[in-house]
Structures are given as C-alpha cells and as structure tokens.
Amino acid sequence: MEARSRRNNLFFASNEGLVVWFTGLSSSGKTTLSRAVYNLLMQAGHRAEILDGDVIRRKLCRELGFSKQDRDENIRRIGFVANVLKRHGVIVLVSAISPYREIRQEMRNRMGNFIEVYVNAPLSICEERDAKDLYRRARAGELKGFTGIDDPYEPPFSRKLPAAQIGNPLKRARKRWLKRFMLIPIKR
C-alpha cells in the first residue's frame, strides 16, 4: 500500500503540479529551506521552481506598499504565478512571509494541490539571523508595519501542518518533509 501511494503521489506531483507554501517571519529560514528542498527535487528529476517573496516584490510588485491590502495583493500575485506553474506540472516552492491566515486560506482554496509549511522560528532567533538589519530598523521606528514587530504574523491554526522548528537540522528537516509528502523516495 505504501509503495503504491508513494508512486501515485510522485505521479500526481510531477504531472498535475503542486504548490508548497513556506510561511513564517522574516529570517525564519523559508528561503533557505525552499532552496534545499528545490535541490533535492531537481536531483530526483522533478520539475520545480522557487518563487521567493523578496524577489517577486522587487520584480513584479514594486508599486505595492506594506498595508494589509497591499500585502494581500502581493500574495495574490505570487499565488497567480504559482498556480500557472502548477497547472503545467511544476512543483512550486513559495517562500513568502504571508502574514495573514485569510489570504493563505484563499490561496489554498484557489490552488487545490497546496501544502502550507509553517517555518516556526522564535522572533528572537529571527532577529539574530537578520542579515538585512530590518528588525533593528523596525524597533528603532525606521520601518513601520514590520511583521512580527508592529504588524501581526498570524500563525496557522492547524497543528496538522508540517512545521520547521528552529532546533531541527536543515538536512533532517527537509528529508522528513519530502518523505512525509512522498515527493521523492528518501534513502535512510
């Protein structure tokens, strides 16, 4: 049964596409994790693509600000591109803060083949990792509406979602998720 299920999920992911949406605070590890998963998928012969929230904002959503309305529109645009790729059989790894539950649910409802991964890193760890100095600037009042400081991040309600905990080594975490969703066969 497990072999059949694994084979069917491989077929499903490679022929119908899939969106894996990594959500969490800035500097939580979403992009790092999505790149690691991307590399494994490519090594296994899957068609995959990464949509990074920072890159999309710079290239496709430059005119948007950081109000709730603009953030939701940014996510809708990322979701549109992800859905187009998914319809063409691509496994799409989205790495975007996506702070609001409602818009994440909207994306899930629109796409169908959708897995949300909550990259759950404590705010203090995110602040330590912050290479762009955004948290310091937000705390100093230089950036307004920064997620996790003066704008909320709404973690997923579901405890069934896969979650990356800060203490998990990246290699072990990525293999566990891939095995869980049967995207590639994992050797122990």
C-alpha atoms as a PDB file:
ATOM      1  CA  MET A   1       0.000   0.000   0.000  1.00  0.00           C
ATOM      2  CA  GLU A   2       2.756   2.475   0.919  1.00  0.00           C
ATOM      3  CA  ALA A   3       4.670   1.806  -2.333  1.00  0.00           C
ATOM      4  CA  ARG A   4       1.515   2.316  -4.381  1.00  0.00           C
ATOM      5  CA  SER A   5       0.663   5.506  -2.508  1.00  0.00           C
ATOM      6  CA  ARG A   6       4.216   6.799  -2.928  1.00  0.00           C
ATOM      7  CA  ARG A   7       4.151   6.048  -6.660  1.00  0.00           C
ATOM      8  CA  ASN A   8       0.766   7.738  -7.076  1.00  0.00           C
ATOM      9  CA  ASN A   9       1.921  10.853  -5.226  1.00  0.00           C
ATOM     10  CA  LEU A  10       5.066  11.056  -7.357  1.00  0.00           C
ATOM     11  CA  PHE A  11       2.885  10.873 -10.466  1.00  0.00           C
ATOM     12  CA  PHE A  12       0.468  13.415  -9.025  1.00  0.00           C
ATOM     13  CA  ALA A  13       3.180  15.918  -8.105  1.00  0.00           C
ATOM     14  CA  SER A  14       5.057  15.595 -11.377  1.00  0.00           C
ATOM     15  CA  ASN A  15       2.031  15.637 -13.729  1.00  0.00           C
ATOM     16  CA  GLU A  16      -0.506  17.900 -12.049  1.00  0.00           C
ATOM     17  CA  GLY A  17       1.849  20.129 -10.122  1.00  0.00           C
ATOM     18  CA  LEU A  18       1.909  21.135  -6.509  1.00  0.00           C
ATOM     19  CA  VAL A  19       2.424  24.324  -4.523  1.00  0.00           C
ATOM     20  CA  VAL A  20       4.390  24.108  -1.279  1.00  0.00           C
ATOM     21  CA  TRP A  21       3.956  27.440   0.515  1.00  0.00           C
ATOM     22  CA  PHE A  22       6.579  28.219   3.174  1.00  0.00           C
ATOM     23  CA  THR A  23       5.288  30.849   5.593  1.00  0.00           C
ATOM     24  CA  GLY A  24       6.843  32.432   8.668  1.00  0.00           C
ATOM     25  CA  LEU A  25       8.537  35.543   9.974  1.00  0.00           C
ATOM     26  CA  SER A  26      11.276  37.358   8.098  1.00  0.00           C
ATOM     27  CA  SER A  27      14.608  35.486   8.577  1.00  0.00           C
ATOM     28  CA  SER A  28      12.854  32.339   9.829  1.00  0.00           C
ATOM     29  CA  GLY A  29      14.544  30.181   7.169  1.00  0.00           C
ATOM     30  CA  LYS A  30      11.825  29.972   4.492  1.00  0.00           C
ATOM     31  CA  THR A  31      14.133  30.702   1.558  1.00  0.00           C
ATOM     32  CA  THR A  32      16.952  28.521   2.872  1.00  0.00           C
ATOM     33  CA  LEU A  33      14.591  25.620   3.319  1.00  0.00           C
ATOM     34  CA  SER A  34      12.878  26.082  -0.050  1.00  0.00           C
ATOM     35  CA  ARG A  35      16.285  26.121  -1.794  1.00  0.00           C
ATOM     36  CA  ALA A  36      17.302  22.916  -0.039  1.00  0.00           C
ATOM     37  CA  VAL A  37      14.038  21.202  -0.999  1.00  0.00           C
ATOM     38  CA  TYR A  38      14.386  22.529  -4.557  1.00  0.00           C
ATOM     39  CA  ASN A  39      17.843  20.970  -4.874  1.00  0.00           C
ATOM     40  CA  LEU A  40      16.530  17.592  -3.701  1.00  0.00           C
ATOM     41  CA  LEU A  41      13.585  17.749  -6.086  1.00  0.00           C
ATOM     42  CA  MET A  42      15.835  18.608  -9.014  1.00  0.00           C
ATOM     43  CA  GLN A  43      18.222  15.771  -8.129  1.00  0.00           C
ATOM     44  CA  ALA A  44      15.227  13.419  -8.160  1.00  0.00           C
ATOM     45  CA  GLY A  45      14.254  14.591 -11.660  1.00  0.00           C
ATOM     46  CA  HIS A  46      11.212  16.710 -10.789  1.00  0.00           C
ATOM     47  CA  ARG A  47      10.275  19.968 -12.464  1.00  0.00           C
ATOM     48  CA  ALA A  48      10.437  22.557  -9.713  1.00  0.00           C
ATOM     49  CA  GLU A  49      10.603  26.308  -9.302  1.00  0.00           C
ATOM     50  CA  ILE A  50      11.133  28.689  -6.383  1.00  0.00           C
ATOM     51  CA  LEU A  51       9.080  31.850  -6.016  1.00  0.00           C
ATOM     52  CA  ASP A  52      10.786  33.950  -3.363  1.00  0.00           C
ATOM     53  CA  GLY A  53       8.672  36.695  -1.821  1.00  0.00           C
ATOM     54  CA  ASP A  54      11.545  39.200  -1.731  1.00  0.00           C
ATOM     55  CA  VAL A  55      12.348  38.673  -5.416  1.00  0.00           C
ATOM     56  CA  ILE A  56       8.696  38.839  -6.501  1.00  0.00           C
ATOM     57  CA  ARG A  57       8.205  42.050  -4.540  1.00  0.00           C
ATOM     58  CA  ARG A  58      11.229  43.664  -6.235  1.00  0.00           C
ATOM     59  CA  LYS A  59      10.385  42.441  -9.750  1.00  0.00           C
ATOM     60  CA  LEU A  60       6.571  42.192 -10.012  1.00  0.00           C
ATOM     61  CA  CYS A  61       5.104  44.103  -7.083  1.00  0.00           C
ATOM     62  CA  ARG A  62       7.394  47.102  -6.756  1.00  0.00           C
ATOM     63  CA  GLU A  63       4.482  49.565  -6.544  1.00  0.00           C
ATOM     64  CA  LEU A  64       2.906  47.802  -3.565  1.00  0.00           C
ATOM     65  CA  GLY A  65       3.433  49.024  -0.033  1.00  0.00           C
ATOM     66  CA  PHE A  66       3.009  47.151   3.238  1.00  0.00           C
ATOM     67  CA  SER A  67      -0.594  47.889   4.176  1.00  0.00           C
ATOM     68  CA  LYS A  68      -2.762  44.812   4.726  1.00  0.00           C
ATOM     69  CA  GLN A  69      -4.423  45.428   1.368  1.00  0.00           C
ATOM     70  CA  ASP A  70      -1.060  45.652  -0.448  1.00  0.00           C
ATOM     71  CA  ARG A  71       0.323  42.603   1.342  1.00  0.00           C
ATOM     72  CA  ASP A  72      -2.748  40.603   0.348  1.00  0.00           C
ATOM     73  CA  GLU A  73      -2.388  41.757  -3.271  1.00  0.00           C
ATOM     74  CA  ASN A  74       1.290  40.748  -3.219  1.00  0.00           C
ATOM     75  CA  ILE A  75       0.298  37.246  -2.064  1.00  0.00           C
ATOM     76  CA  ARG A  76      -2.437  37.047  -4.709  1.00  0.00           C
ATOM     77  CA  ARG A  77       0.118  37.861  -7.418  1.00  0.00           C
ATOM     78  CA  ILE A  78       2.564  35.272  -6.097  1.00  0.00           C
ATOM     79  CA  GLY A  79      -0.313  32.805  -5.925  1.00  0.00           C
ATOM     80  CA  PHE A  80      -1.326  33.546  -9.518  1.00  0.00           C
ATOM     81  CA  VAL A  81       2.170  32.807 -10.824  1.00  0.00           C
ATOM     82  CA  ALA A  82       2.435  29.705  -8.614  1.00  0.00           C
ATOM     83  CA  ASN A  83      -0.895  28.407  -9.883  1.00  0.00           C
ATOM     84  CA  VAL A  84       0.088  28.891 -13.550  1.00  0.00           C
ATOM     85  CA  LEU A  85       3.300  26.927 -12.986  1.00  0.00           C
ATOM     86  CA  LYS A  86       1.447  24.247 -11.014  1.00  0.00           C
ATOM     87  CA  ARG A  87      -1.041  23.746 -13.849  1.00  0.00           C
ATOM     88  CA  HIS A  88       1.931  22.927 -16.075  1.00  0.00           C
ATOM     89  CA  GLY A  89       3.141  20.154 -13.784  1.00  0.00           C
ATOM     90  CA  VAL A  90       5.706  22.150 -11.816  1.00  0.00           C
ATOM     91  CA  ILE A  91       6.290  21.692  -8.096  1.00  0.00           C
ATOM     92  CA  VAL A  92       6.318  25.311  -6.951  1.00  0.00           C
ATOM     93  CA  LEU A  93       8.079  26.252  -3.720  1.00  0.00           C
ATOM     94  CA  VAL A  94       6.817  29.615  -2.497  1.00  0.00           C
ATOM     95  CA  SER A  95       8.814  31.364   0.186  1.00  0.00           C
ATOM     96  CA  ALA A  96       6.809  34.355   1.409  1.00  0.00           C
ATOM     97  CA  ILE A  97       6.040  35.745   4.859  1.00  0.00           C
ATOM     98  CA  SER A  98       2.288  35.663   4.090  1.00  0.00           C
ATOM     99  CA  PRO A  99       1.371  37.065   7.500  1.00  0.00           C
ATOM    100  CA  TYR A 100      -2.423  36.716   7.351  1.00  0.00           C
ATOM    101  CA  ARG A 101      -4.341  33.439   7.667  1.00  0.00           C
ATOM    102  CA  GLU A 102      -7.216  34.601   5.493  1.00  0.00           C
ATOM    103  CA  ILE A 103      -5.076  35.197   2.384  1.00  0.00           C
ATOM    104  CA  ARG A 104      -3.224  31.903   2.883  1.00  0.00           C
ATOM    105  CA  GLN A 105      -6.595  30.147   3.025  1.00  0.00           C
ATOM    106  CA  GLU A 106      -7.653  31.965  -0.137  1.00  0.00           C
ATOM    107  CA  MET A 107      -4.528  30.658  -1.909  1.00  0.00           C
ATOM    108  CA  ARG A 108      -5.189  27.119  -0.649  1.00  0.00           C
ATOM    109  CA  ASN A 109      -8.779  27.262  -1.909  1.00  0.00           C
ATOM    110  CA  ARG A 110      -7.758  28.566  -5.342  1.00  0.00           C
ATOM    111  CA  MET A 111      -4.962  26.110  -5.983  1.00  0.00           C
ATOM    112  CA  GLY A 112      -6.140  22.772  -4.726  1.00  0.00           C
ATOM    113  CA  ASN A 113      -2.788  20.962  -4.715  1.00  0.00           C
ATOM    114  CA  PHE A 114      -1.375  23.076  -1.903  1.00  0.00           C
ATOM    115  CA  ILE A 115       0.784  22.316   1.113  1.00  0.00           C
ATOM    116  CA  GLU A 116       1.424  25.031   3.694  1.00  0.00           C
ATOM    117  CA  VAL A 117       4.633  24.711   5.702  1.00  0.00           C
ATOM    118  CA  TYR A 118       4.934  26.923   8.764  1.00  0.00           C
ATOM    119  CA  VAL A 119       8.584  27.792   9.367  1.00  0.00           C
ATOM    120  CA  ASN A 120       8.249  28.380  13.081  1.00  0.00           C
ATOM    121  CA  ALA A 121      11.275  30.267  14.371  1.00  0.00           C
ATOM    122  CA  PRO A 122      11.091  32.416  17.506  1.00  0.00           C
ATOM    123  CA  LEU A 123      11.221  36.167  16.939  1.00  0.00           C
ATOM    124  CA  SER A 124      14.484  36.393  18.920  1.00  0.00           C
ATOM    125  CA  ILE A 125      16.181  33.908  16.560  1.00  0.00           C
ATOM    126  CA  CYS A 126      14.855  35.739  13.504  1.00  0.00           C
ATOM    127  CA  GLU A 127      16.270  38.978  14.872  1.00  0.00           C
ATOM    128  CA  GLU A 128      19.685  37.331  15.397  1.00  0.00           C
ATOM    129  CA  ARG A 129      19.699  35.990  11.821  1.00  0.00           C
ATOM    130  CA  ASP A 130      18.552  39.233  10.210  1.00  0.00           C
ATOM    131  CA  ALA A 131      21.283  39.992   7.649  1.00  0.00           C
ATOM    132  CA  LYS A 132      19.318  42.978   6.266  1.00  0.00           C
ATOM    133  CA  ASP A 133      19.050  44.708   9.668  1.00  0.00           C
ATOM    134  CA  LEU A 134      15.280  45.037   9.212  1.00  0.00           C
ATOM    135  CA  TYR A 135      14.295  44.105  12.761  1.00  0.00           C
ATOM    136  CA  ARG A 136      16.679  46.665  14.274  1.00  0.00           C
ATOM    137  CA  ARG A 137      15.324  49.325  11.922  1.00  0.00           C
ATOM    138  CA  ALA A 138      11.720  48.383  12.783  1.00  0.00           C
ATOM    139  CA  ARG A 139      12.428  48.524  16.517  1.00  0.00           C
ATOM    140  CA  ALA A 140      14.071  51.941  16.023  1.00  0.00           C
ATOM    141  CA  GLY A 141      10.898  53.177  14.289  1.00  0.00           C
ATOM    142  CA  GLU A 142      12.560  53.495  10.872  1.00  0.00           C
ATOM    143  CA  LEU A 143      10.275  50.834   9.328  1.00  0.00           C
ATOM    144  CA  LYS A 144       6.555  50.947  10.026  1.00  0.00           C
ATOM    145  CA  GLY A 145       4.255  47.937   9.769  1.00  0.00           C
ATOM    146  CA  PHE A 146       7.030  45.351  10.018  1.00  0.00           C
ATOM    147  CA  THR A 147       5.676  41.830  10.505  1.00  0.00           C
ATOM    148  CA  GLY A 148       6.386  40.497  13.985  1.00  0.00           C
ATOM    149  CA  ILE A 149       7.165  43.947  15.439  1.00  0.00           C
ATOM    150  CA  ASP A 150       4.256  46.339  14.832  1.00  0.00           C
ATOM    151  CA  ASP A 151       2.237  44.257  12.381  1.00  0.00           C
ATOM    152  CA  PRO A 152       0.973  40.784  13.267  1.00  0.00           C
ATOM    153  CA  TYR A 153       2.018  37.413  11.944  1.00  0.00           C
ATOM    154  CA  GLU A 154      -0.915  35.034  12.253  1.00  0.00           C
ATOM    155  CA  PRO A 155       0.448  31.503  12.659  1.00  0.00           C
ATOM    156  CA  PRO A 156      -1.604  28.692  11.166  1.00  0.00           C
ATOM    157  CA  PHE A 157      -4.335  27.270  13.415  1.00  0.00           C
ATOM    158  CA  SER A 158      -3.864  23.694  12.260  1.00  0.00           C
ATOM    159  CA  ARG A 159      -1.495  21.550  14.263  1.00  0.00           C
ATOM    160  CA  LYS A 160      -1.502  19.093  11.359  1.00  0.00           C
ATOM    161  CA  LEU A 161       0.617  21.399   9.224  1.00  0.00           C
ATOM    162  CA  PRO A 162       4.255  20.462   8.799  1.00  0.00           C
ATOM    163  CA  ALA A 163       6.327  22.883  10.828  1.00  0.00           C
ATOM    164  CA  ALA A 164      10.020  23.610  10.778  1.00  0.00           C
ATOM    165  CA  GLN A 165      11.283  24.103  14.286  1.00  0.00           C
ATOM    166  CA  ILE A 166      14.417  26.128  14.791  1.00  0.00           C
ATOM    167  CA  GLY A 167      16.206  23.250  16.524  1.00  0.00           C
ATOM    168  CA  ASN A 168      15.860  20.836  13.575  1.00  0.00           C
ATOM    169  CA  PRO A 169      18.964  20.492  11.456  1.00  0.00           C
ATOM    170  CA  LEU A 170      18.066  21.571   7.934  1.00  0.00           C
ATOM    171  CA  LYS A 171      19.089  18.328   6.236  1.00  0.00           C
ATOM    172  CA  ARG A 172      16.993  16.170   8.559  1.00  0.00           C
ATOM    173  CA  ALA A 173      14.007  18.551   8.362  1.00  0.00           C
ATOM    174  CA  ARG A 174      13.929  18.735   4.561  1.00  0.00           C
ATOM    175  CA  LYS A 175      14.167  14.960   4.180  1.00  0.00           C
ATOM    176  CA  ARG A 176      11.400  14.456   6.742  1.00  0.00           C
ATOM    177  CA  TRP A 177       9.050  16.786   4.827  1.00  0.00           C
ATOM    178  CA  LEU A 178       9.830  15.276   1.473  1.00  0.00           C
ATOM    179  CA  LYS A 179       9.264  11.803   2.841  1.00  0.00           C
ATOM    180  CA  ARG A 180       6.035  12.899   4.529  1.00  0.00           C
ATOM    181  CA  PHE A 181       4.603  14.228   1.302  1.00  0.00           C
ATOM    182  CA  MET A 182       6.145  11.428  -0.744  1.00  0.00           C
ATOM    183  CA  LEU A 183       7.596  13.821  -3.285  1.00  0.00           C
ATOM    184  CA  ILE A 184      10.759  11.805  -3.655  1.00  0.00           C
ATOM    185  CA  PRO A 185      11.889   8.456  -2.322  1.00  0.00           C
ATOM    186  CA  ILE A 186      14.180   9.052   0.635  1.00  0.00           C
ATOM    187  CA  LYS A 187      17.034   6.717   1.499  1.00  0.00           C
ATOM    188  CA  ARG A 188      17.872   6.472   5.159  1.00  0.00           C
END
